[in-house]
Amino acid sequence: MPERSTTLPDDLRADVQTLWDYHDMHHELRPADVGIGLGSHDLGVATFTAELFHAGTFPLIVFTGANAPTTVERFPRGEAVHYREHALELGVPDDAILVEPEARNTGDNITLTRALLESRSIEVESVVLISRPYQQRRAYATCKKLWPEVDVICASRPLPLDEYIESIGDVDRVINMLVGDTQRITIYAERGFAIAQEVPATVKESYTQLIRQGFTKRLL
């Protein structure tokens, strides 16, 4: 298998950065009732969730996620289960973590987490959604549709684009995911899965340019 590149080509940088900046909601962190770590291939989500817990941002964590084709090899027992184990290694107490192991998409992440908390009679007025950086906007739009009464803040590891690509180890994967999430902002709103989000003309142009460059693996 050829070695995967972690270098963002100069001719793609402006367009990739445009999408990267768009998906960052730029929310200011503040204390919340629960931190919800959204399962994915990125273990950094669990790392940052643990860091926010230790900083006192929230007293309770829910890790949510089963498996997807992109995660089953890395997290064979499920994303949320592996996230929990990683957080325990980072010093988060076991009794501060709940696991929701069935979610297979972002909508499931929200609805099944909400149901889990309600089943435990845990009252929630505010949440921090911790995700991959380029999942923030989609997670926000989904949560506002499916759990509109909760105050939602989005957060991700505060890494610059190049450092994030290095942490994932595959620039093509990151670009394809960025393109796919950009498409989902519009399509999921049209399908009633999420609230509508403004997509600026600059974002539409960068999205189109990257599709022309062949980054189509995550398109619906």
C-alpha atoms as a PDB file:
ATOM      1  CA  MET A   1       0.000   0.000   0.000  1.00  0.00           C
ATOM      2  CA  PRO A   2       1.475   3.391  -0.963  1.00  0.00           C
ATOM      3  CA  GLU A   3       2.340   5.756   1.864  1.00  0.00           C
ATOM      4  CA  ARG A   4      -0.381   8.329   2.473  1.00  0.00           C
ATOM      5  CA  SER A   5       0.596  11.957   2.117  1.00  0.00           C
ATOM      6  CA  THR A   6       0.100  14.456   4.939  1.00  0.00           C
ATOM      7  CA  THR A   7       1.120  17.474   2.843  1.00  0.00           C
ATOM      8  CA  LEU A   8      -1.601  19.790   1.590  1.00  0.00           C
ATOM      9  CA  PRO A   9      -0.761  20.741  -2.026  1.00  0.00           C
ATOM     10  CA  ASP A  10      -0.339  24.473  -2.584  1.00  0.00           C
ATOM     11  CA  ASP A  11      -2.842  24.535  -5.448  1.00  0.00           C
ATOM     12  CA  LEU A  12      -5.572  23.161  -3.151  1.00  0.00           C
ATOM     13  CA  ARG A  13      -4.763  25.088  -0.002  1.00  0.00           C
ATOM     14  CA  ALA A  14      -7.047  28.091  -0.457  1.00  0.00           C
ATOM     15  CA  ASP A  15     -10.104  25.996  -1.267  1.00  0.00           C
ATOM     16  CA  VAL A  16      -9.486  23.504   1.530  1.00  0.00           C
ATOM     17  CA  GLN A  17      -8.923  26.320   4.034  1.00  0.00           C
ATOM     18  CA  THR A  18     -12.183  27.953   2.958  1.00  0.00           C
ATOM     19  CA  LEU A  19     -14.163  24.800   3.747  1.00  0.00           C
ATOM     20  CA  TRP A  20     -12.204  24.233   6.961  1.00  0.00           C
ATOM     21  CA  ASP A  21     -13.035  27.737   8.216  1.00  0.00           C
ATOM     22  CA  TYR A  22     -16.697  27.403   7.210  1.00  0.00           C
ATOM     23  CA  HIS A  23     -17.290  24.260   9.242  1.00  0.00           C
ATOM     24  CA  ASP A  24     -15.766  25.774  12.399  1.00  0.00           C
ATOM     25  CA  MET A  25     -18.673  27.381  14.268  1.00  0.00           C
ATOM     26  CA  HIS A  26     -16.246  29.570  16.275  1.00  0.00           C
ATOM     27  CA  HIS A  27     -18.280  29.080  19.425  1.00  0.00           C
ATOM     28  CA  GLU A  28     -16.872  30.364  22.688  1.00  0.00           C
ATOM     29  CA  LEU A  29     -16.648  27.580  25.241  1.00  0.00           C
ATOM     30  CA  ARG A  30     -18.629  27.982  28.436  1.00  0.00           C
ATOM     31  CA  PRO A  31     -19.792  25.569  31.150  1.00  0.00           C
ATOM     32  CA  ALA A  32     -22.514  23.105  30.166  1.00  0.00           C
ATOM     33  CA  ASP A  33     -24.424  20.236  31.707  1.00  0.00           C
ATOM     34  CA  VAL A  34     -23.028  17.499  29.458  1.00  0.00           C
ATOM     35  CA  GLY A  35     -20.194  17.007  26.983  1.00  0.00           C
ATOM     36  CA  ILE A  36     -21.155  14.780  24.053  1.00  0.00           C
ATOM     37  CA  GLY A  37     -18.253  13.182  22.174  1.00  0.00           C
ATOM     38  CA  LEU A  38     -19.422  12.256  18.681  1.00  0.00           C
ATOM     39  CA  GLY A  39     -17.909   8.995  17.472  1.00  0.00           C
ATOM     40  CA  SER A  40     -15.701   8.946  14.371  1.00  0.00           C
ATOM     41  CA  HIS A  41     -12.307   7.724  13.168  1.00  0.00           C
ATOM     42  CA  ASP A  42     -10.658  10.599  15.076  1.00  0.00           C
ATOM     43  CA  LEU A  43      -9.573   9.590  18.590  1.00  0.00           C
ATOM     44  CA  GLY A  44      -8.695  13.236  19.171  1.00  0.00           C
ATOM     45  CA  VAL A  45     -12.397  13.800  19.842  1.00  0.00           C
ATOM     46  CA  ALA A  46     -12.100  11.662  22.971  1.00  0.00           C
ATOM     47  CA  THR A  47      -8.844  13.359  23.927  1.00  0.00           C
ATOM     48  CA  PHE A  48     -10.342  16.836  23.750  1.00  0.00           C
ATOM     49  CA  THR A  49     -13.506  15.726  25.539  1.00  0.00           C
ATOM     50  CA  ALA A  50     -11.342  14.490  28.412  1.00  0.00           C
ATOM     51  CA  GLU A  51      -9.395  17.756  28.440  1.00  0.00           C
ATOM     52  CA  LEU A  52     -12.602  19.781  28.657  1.00  0.00           C
ATOM     53  CA  PHE A  53     -13.872  17.558  31.475  1.00  0.00           C
ATOM     54  CA  HIS A  54     -10.668  18.110  33.447  1.00  0.00           C
ATOM     55  CA  ALA A  55     -10.986  21.850  32.818  1.00  0.00           C
ATOM     56  CA  GLY A  56     -14.408  21.787  34.484  1.00  0.00           C
ATOM     57  CA  THR A  57     -16.401  22.573  31.340  1.00  0.00           C
ATOM     58  CA  PHE A  58     -18.943  19.848  32.133  1.00  0.00           C
ATOM     59  CA  PRO A  59     -19.374  17.212  34.884  1.00  0.00           C
ATOM     60  CA  LEU A  60     -20.658  14.406  32.674  1.00  0.00           C
ATOM     61  CA  ILE A  61     -19.595  12.894  29.341  1.00  0.00           C
ATOM     62  CA  VAL A  62     -21.593  10.866  26.854  1.00  0.00           C
ATOM     63  CA  PHE A  63     -19.613   9.099  24.150  1.00  0.00           C
ATOM     64  CA  THR A  64     -21.864   8.092  21.275  1.00  0.00           C
ATOM     65  CA  GLY A  65     -21.199   5.920  18.242  1.00  0.00           C
ATOM     66  CA  ALA A  66     -21.305   2.372  16.929  1.00  0.00           C
ATOM     67  CA  ASN A  67     -19.243   1.708  13.802  1.00  0.00           C
ATOM     68  CA  ALA A  68     -19.023   2.873  10.213  1.00  0.00           C
ATOM     69  CA  PRO A  69     -17.047   1.405   7.308  1.00  0.00           C
ATOM     70  CA  THR A  70     -14.377   4.048   8.015  1.00  0.00           C
ATOM     71  CA  THR A  71     -14.027   3.129  11.712  1.00  0.00           C
ATOM     72  CA  VAL A  72     -14.679  -0.585  12.184  1.00  0.00           C
ATOM     73  CA  GLU A  73     -11.061  -1.587  11.604  1.00  0.00           C
ATOM     74  CA  ARG A  74      -9.674   0.969  14.043  1.00  0.00           C
ATOM     75  CA  PHE A  75     -12.433   0.670  16.666  1.00  0.00           C
ATOM     76  CA  PRO A  76     -13.733  -2.913  16.370  1.00  0.00           C
ATOM     77  CA  ARG A  77     -15.739  -2.736  19.616  1.00  0.00           C
ATOM     78  CA  GLY A  78     -17.401   0.505  18.577  1.00  0.00           C
ATOM     79  CA  GLU A  79     -16.404   4.146  18.537  1.00  0.00           C
ATOM     80  CA  ALA A  80     -18.008   5.096  21.853  1.00  0.00           C
ATOM     81  CA  VAL A  81     -16.492   2.121  23.666  1.00  0.00           C
ATOM     82  CA  HIS A  82     -12.985   2.961  22.477  1.00  0.00           C
ATOM     83  CA  TYR A  83     -13.512   6.647  23.246  1.00  0.00           C
ATOM     84  CA  ARG A  84     -14.498   5.734  26.810  1.00  0.00           C
ATOM     85  CA  GLU A  85     -11.417   3.564  27.260  1.00  0.00           C
ATOM     86  CA  HIS A  86      -9.207   6.384  26.007  1.00  0.00           C
ATOM     87  CA  ALA A  87     -10.827   8.892  28.356  1.00  0.00           C
ATOM     88  CA  LEU A  88     -10.306   6.530  31.287  1.00  0.00           C
ATOM     89  CA  GLU A  89      -6.621   6.333  30.360  1.00  0.00           C
ATOM     90  CA  LEU A  90      -6.580  10.135  30.487  1.00  0.00           C
ATOM     91  CA  GLY A  91      -7.903  10.150  34.035  1.00  0.00           C
ATOM     92  CA  VAL A  92     -11.626  10.711  33.576  1.00  0.00           C
ATOM     93  CA  PRO A  93     -13.518   8.833  36.333  1.00  0.00           C
ATOM     94  CA  ASP A  94     -15.629   5.920  35.161  1.00  0.00           C
ATOM     95  CA  ASP A  95     -18.738   7.287  36.861  1.00  0.00           C
ATOM     96  CA  ALA A  96     -18.466  10.499  34.810  1.00  0.00           C
ATOM     97  CA  ILE A  97     -18.880   8.663  31.481  1.00  0.00           C
ATOM     98  CA  LEU A  98     -21.972   7.256  29.819  1.00  0.00           C
ATOM     99  CA  VAL A  99     -21.752   5.234  26.596  1.00  0.00           C
ATOM    100  CA  GLU A 100     -24.306   5.244  23.803  1.00  0.00           C
ATOM    101  CA  PRO A 101     -23.090   2.408  21.525  1.00  0.00           C
ATOM    102  CA  GLU A 102     -25.754   2.221  18.800  1.00  0.00           C
ATOM    103  CA  ALA A 103     -25.608   5.492  16.828  1.00  0.00           C
ATOM    104  CA  ARG A 104     -24.634   5.143  13.177  1.00  0.00           C
ATOM    105  CA  ASN A 105     -25.028   8.754  12.060  1.00  0.00           C
ATOM    106  CA  THR A 106     -25.137  12.240  13.559  1.00  0.00           C
ATOM    107  CA  GLY A 107     -28.916  12.193  13.906  1.00  0.00           C
ATOM    108  CA  ASP A 108     -28.651   8.983  15.917  1.00  0.00           C
ATOM    109  CA  ASN A 109     -25.899  10.561  18.022  1.00  0.00           C
ATOM    110  CA  ILE A 110     -28.309  13.290  19.085  1.00  0.00           C
ATOM    111  CA  THR A 111     -31.554  11.340  19.472  1.00  0.00           C
ATOM    112  CA  LEU A 112     -30.057   8.293  21.199  1.00  0.00           C
ATOM    113  CA  THR A 113     -27.946  10.426  23.543  1.00  0.00           C
ATOM    114  CA  ARG A 114     -30.995  12.453  24.457  1.00  0.00           C
ATOM    115  CA  ALA A 115     -32.963   9.263  25.119  1.00  0.00           C
ATOM    116  CA  LEU A 116     -30.132   7.847  27.252  1.00  0.00           C
ATOM    117  CA  LEU A 117     -30.004  10.969  29.404  1.00  0.00           C
ATOM    118  CA  GLU A 118     -33.774  11.024  29.775  1.00  0.00           C
ATOM    119  CA  SER A 119     -33.757   7.346  30.806  1.00  0.00           C
ATOM    120  CA  ARG A 120     -31.364   8.286  33.625  1.00  0.00           C
ATOM    121  CA  SER A 121     -33.560  11.263  34.625  1.00  0.00           C
ATOM    122  CA  ILE A 122     -30.653  13.607  33.909  1.00  0.00           C
ATOM    123  CA  GLU A 123     -31.949  17.104  33.218  1.00  0.00           C
ATOM    124  CA  VAL A 124     -30.045  18.823  30.430  1.00  0.00           C
ATOM    125  CA  GLU A 125     -30.308  22.475  29.454  1.00  0.00           C
ATOM    126  CA  SER A 126     -26.936  22.853  27.728  1.00  0.00           C
ATOM    127  CA  VAL A 127     -24.474  20.604  25.896  1.00  0.00           C
ATOM    128  CA  VAL A 128     -21.064  20.830  24.316  1.00  0.00           C
ATOM    129  CA  LEU A 129     -20.848  18.773  21.125  1.00  0.00           C
ATOM    130  CA  ILE A 130     -17.249  17.641  20.623  1.00  0.00           C
ATOM    131  CA  SER A 131     -16.507  16.473  17.097  1.00  0.00           C
ATOM    132  CA  ARG A 132     -14.012  16.473  14.266  1.00  0.00           C
ATOM    133  CA  PRO A 133     -13.374  20.107  13.262  1.00  0.00           C
ATOM    134  CA  TYR A 134     -15.182  19.780   9.948  1.00  0.00           C
ATOM    135  CA  GLN A 135     -18.218  18.138  11.578  1.00  0.00           C
ATOM    136  CA  GLN A 136     -19.074  21.101  13.793  1.00  0.00           C
ATOM    137  CA  ARG A 137     -21.539  22.863  11.510  1.00  0.00           C
ATOM    138  CA  ARG A 138     -23.375  19.677  10.580  1.00  0.00           C
ATOM    139  CA  ALA A 139     -23.545  18.578  14.221  1.00  0.00           C
ATOM    140  CA  TYR A 140     -24.899  21.983  15.215  1.00  0.00           C
ATOM    141  CA  ALA A 141     -27.548  21.998  12.477  1.00  0.00           C
ATOM    142  CA  THR A 142     -28.606  18.455  13.365  1.00  0.00           C
ATOM    143  CA  CYS A 143     -28.852  19.170  17.086  1.00  0.00           C
ATOM    144  CA  LYS A 144     -30.893  22.343  16.533  1.00  0.00           C
ATOM    145  CA  LYS A 145     -33.343  20.310  14.445  1.00  0.00           C
ATOM    146  CA  LEU A 146     -33.662  17.279  16.725  1.00  0.00           C
ATOM    147  CA  TRP A 147     -33.132  18.852  20.167  1.00  0.00           C
ATOM    148  CA  PRO A 148     -34.123  22.485  19.625  1.00  0.00           C
ATOM    149  CA  GLU A 149     -34.672  23.410  23.250  1.00  0.00           C
ATOM    150  CA  VAL A 150     -31.115  22.634  24.359  1.00  0.00           C
ATOM    151  CA  ASP A 151     -28.372  25.275  24.327  1.00  0.00           C
ATOM    152  CA  VAL A 152     -25.652  23.816  22.100  1.00  0.00           C
ATOM    153  CA  ILE A 153     -21.983  24.741  21.829  1.00  0.00           C
ATOM    154  CA  CYS A 154     -19.672  23.086  19.300  1.00  0.00           C
ATOM    155  CA  ALA A 155     -16.021  22.345  20.009  1.00  0.00           C
ATOM    156  CA  SER A 156     -13.067  20.520  18.478  1.00  0.00           C
ATOM    157  CA  ARG A 157      -9.379  20.224  19.170  1.00  0.00           C
ATOM    158  CA  PRO A 158      -7.991  23.701  18.427  1.00  0.00           C
ATOM    159  CA  LEU A 159      -5.549  22.551  15.761  1.00  0.00           C
ATOM    160  CA  PRO A 160      -4.608  24.478  12.612  1.00  0.00           C
ATOM    161  CA  LEU A 161      -5.465  22.741   9.355  1.00  0.00           C
ATOM    162  CA  ASP A 162      -1.972  21.400   8.651  1.00  0.00           C
ATOM    163  CA  GLU A 163      -1.561  20.024  12.172  1.00  0.00           C
ATOM    164  CA  TYR A 164      -4.933  18.322  11.945  1.00  0.00           C
ATOM    165  CA  ILE A 165      -4.018  16.688   8.645  1.00  0.00           C
ATOM    166  CA  GLU A 166      -0.769  15.500  10.213  1.00  0.00           C
ATOM    167  CA  SER A 167      -2.676  14.024  13.170  1.00  0.00           C
ATOM    168  CA  ILE A 168      -4.989  12.084  10.825  1.00  0.00           C
ATOM    169  CA  GLY A 169      -2.135  11.022   8.555  1.00  0.00           C
ATOM    170  CA  ASP A 170      -3.952  11.290   5.224  1.00  0.00           C
ATOM    171  CA  VAL A 171      -4.562  14.583   3.423  1.00  0.00           C
ATOM    172  CA  ASP A 172      -6.844  12.996   0.796  1.00  0.00           C
ATOM    173  CA  ARG A 173      -9.109  11.597   3.491  1.00  0.00           C
ATOM    174  CA  VAL A 174      -9.432  14.978   5.192  1.00  0.00           C
ATOM    175  CA  ILE A 175     -10.244  16.787   1.932  1.00  0.00           C
ATOM    176  CA  ASN A 176     -12.805  14.172   0.922  1.00  0.00           C
ATOM    177  CA  MET A 177     -14.464  14.428   4.321  1.00  0.00           C
ATOM    178  CA  LEU A 178     -14.554  18.233   4.115  1.00  0.00           C
ATOM    179  CA  VAL A 179     -16.196  18.070   0.700  1.00  0.00           C
ATOM    180  CA  GLY A 180     -18.695  15.444   1.862  1.00  0.00           C
ATOM    181  CA  ASP A 181     -19.682  17.417   4.946  1.00  0.00           C
ATOM    182  CA  THR A 182     -20.151  20.562   2.864  1.00  0.00           C
ATOM    183  CA  GLN A 183     -22.583  18.724   0.597  1.00  0.00           C
ATOM    184  CA  ARG A 184     -24.477  17.375   3.618  1.00  0.00           C
ATOM    185  CA  ILE A 185     -25.127  20.871   5.015  1.00  0.00           C
ATOM    186  CA  THR A 186     -27.532  21.537   2.143  1.00  0.00           C
ATOM    187  CA  ILE A 187     -28.852  18.048   1.445  1.00  0.00           C
ATOM    188  CA  TYR A 188     -29.600  17.152   5.056  1.00  0.00           C
ATOM    189  CA  ALA A 189     -31.524  20.398   5.539  1.00  0.00           C
ATOM    190  CA  GLU A 190     -33.539  19.634   2.381  1.00  0.00           C
ATOM    191  CA  ARG A 191     -34.323  16.161   3.726  1.00  0.00           C
ATOM    192  CA  GLY A 192     -35.448  17.521   7.081  1.00  0.00           C
ATOM    193  CA  PHE A 193     -32.526  16.062   9.043  1.00  0.00           C
ATOM    194  CA  ALA A 194     -31.080  19.446  10.054  1.00  0.00           C
ATOM    195  CA  ILE A 195     -31.843  23.146  10.105  1.00  0.00           C
ATOM    196  CA  ALA A 196     -30.822  25.176   7.060  1.00  0.00           C
ATOM    197  CA  GLN A 197     -27.430  26.890   7.132  1.00  0.00           C
ATOM    198  CA  GLU A 198     -26.244  29.733   4.916  1.00  0.00           C
ATOM    199  CA  VAL A 199     -23.575  28.599   2.456  1.00  0.00           C
ATOM    200  CA  PRO A 200     -21.571  31.620   1.236  1.00  0.00           C
ATOM    201  CA  ALA A 201     -20.648  31.916  -2.440  1.00  0.00           C
ATOM    202  CA  THR A 202     -16.953  31.487  -1.611  1.00  0.00           C
ATOM    203  CA  VAL A 203     -17.705  28.158   0.073  1.00  0.00           C
ATOM    204  CA  LYS A 204     -19.791  26.970  -2.872  1.00  0.00           C
ATOM    205  CA  GLU A 205     -16.974  27.853  -5.282  1.00  0.00           C
ATOM    206  CA  SER A 206     -14.292  26.076  -3.237  1.00  0.00           C
ATOM    207  CA  TYR A 207     -16.546  23.043  -2.867  1.00  0.00           C
ATOM    208  CA  THR A 208     -17.091  22.923  -6.621  1.00  0.00           C
ATOM    209  CA  GLN A 209     -13.391  23.335  -7.357  1.00  0.00           C
ATOM    210  CA  LEU A 210     -12.447  20.435  -5.080  1.00  0.00           C
ATOM    211  CA  ILE A 211     -15.039  18.201  -6.709  1.00  0.00           C
ATOM    212  CA  ARG A 212     -13.487  19.074 -10.065  1.00  0.00           C
ATOM    213  CA  GLN A 213     -10.166  17.983  -8.605  1.00  0.00           C
ATOM    214  CA  GLY A 214     -11.643  14.555  -7.904  1.00  0.00           C
ATOM    215  CA  PHE A 215     -12.456  14.718  -4.193  1.00  0.00           C
ATOM    216  CA  THR A 216     -15.774  12.887  -4.475  1.00  0.00           C
ATOM    217  CA  LYS A 217     -15.373   9.801  -2.273  1.00  0.00           C
ATOM    218  CA  ARG A 218     -17.652  11.110   0.493  1.00  0.00           C
ATOM    219  CA  LEU A 219     -20.380  12.567  -1.703  1.00  0.00           C
ATOM    220  CA  LEU A 220     -23.855  11.112  -1.303  1.00  0.00           C
END
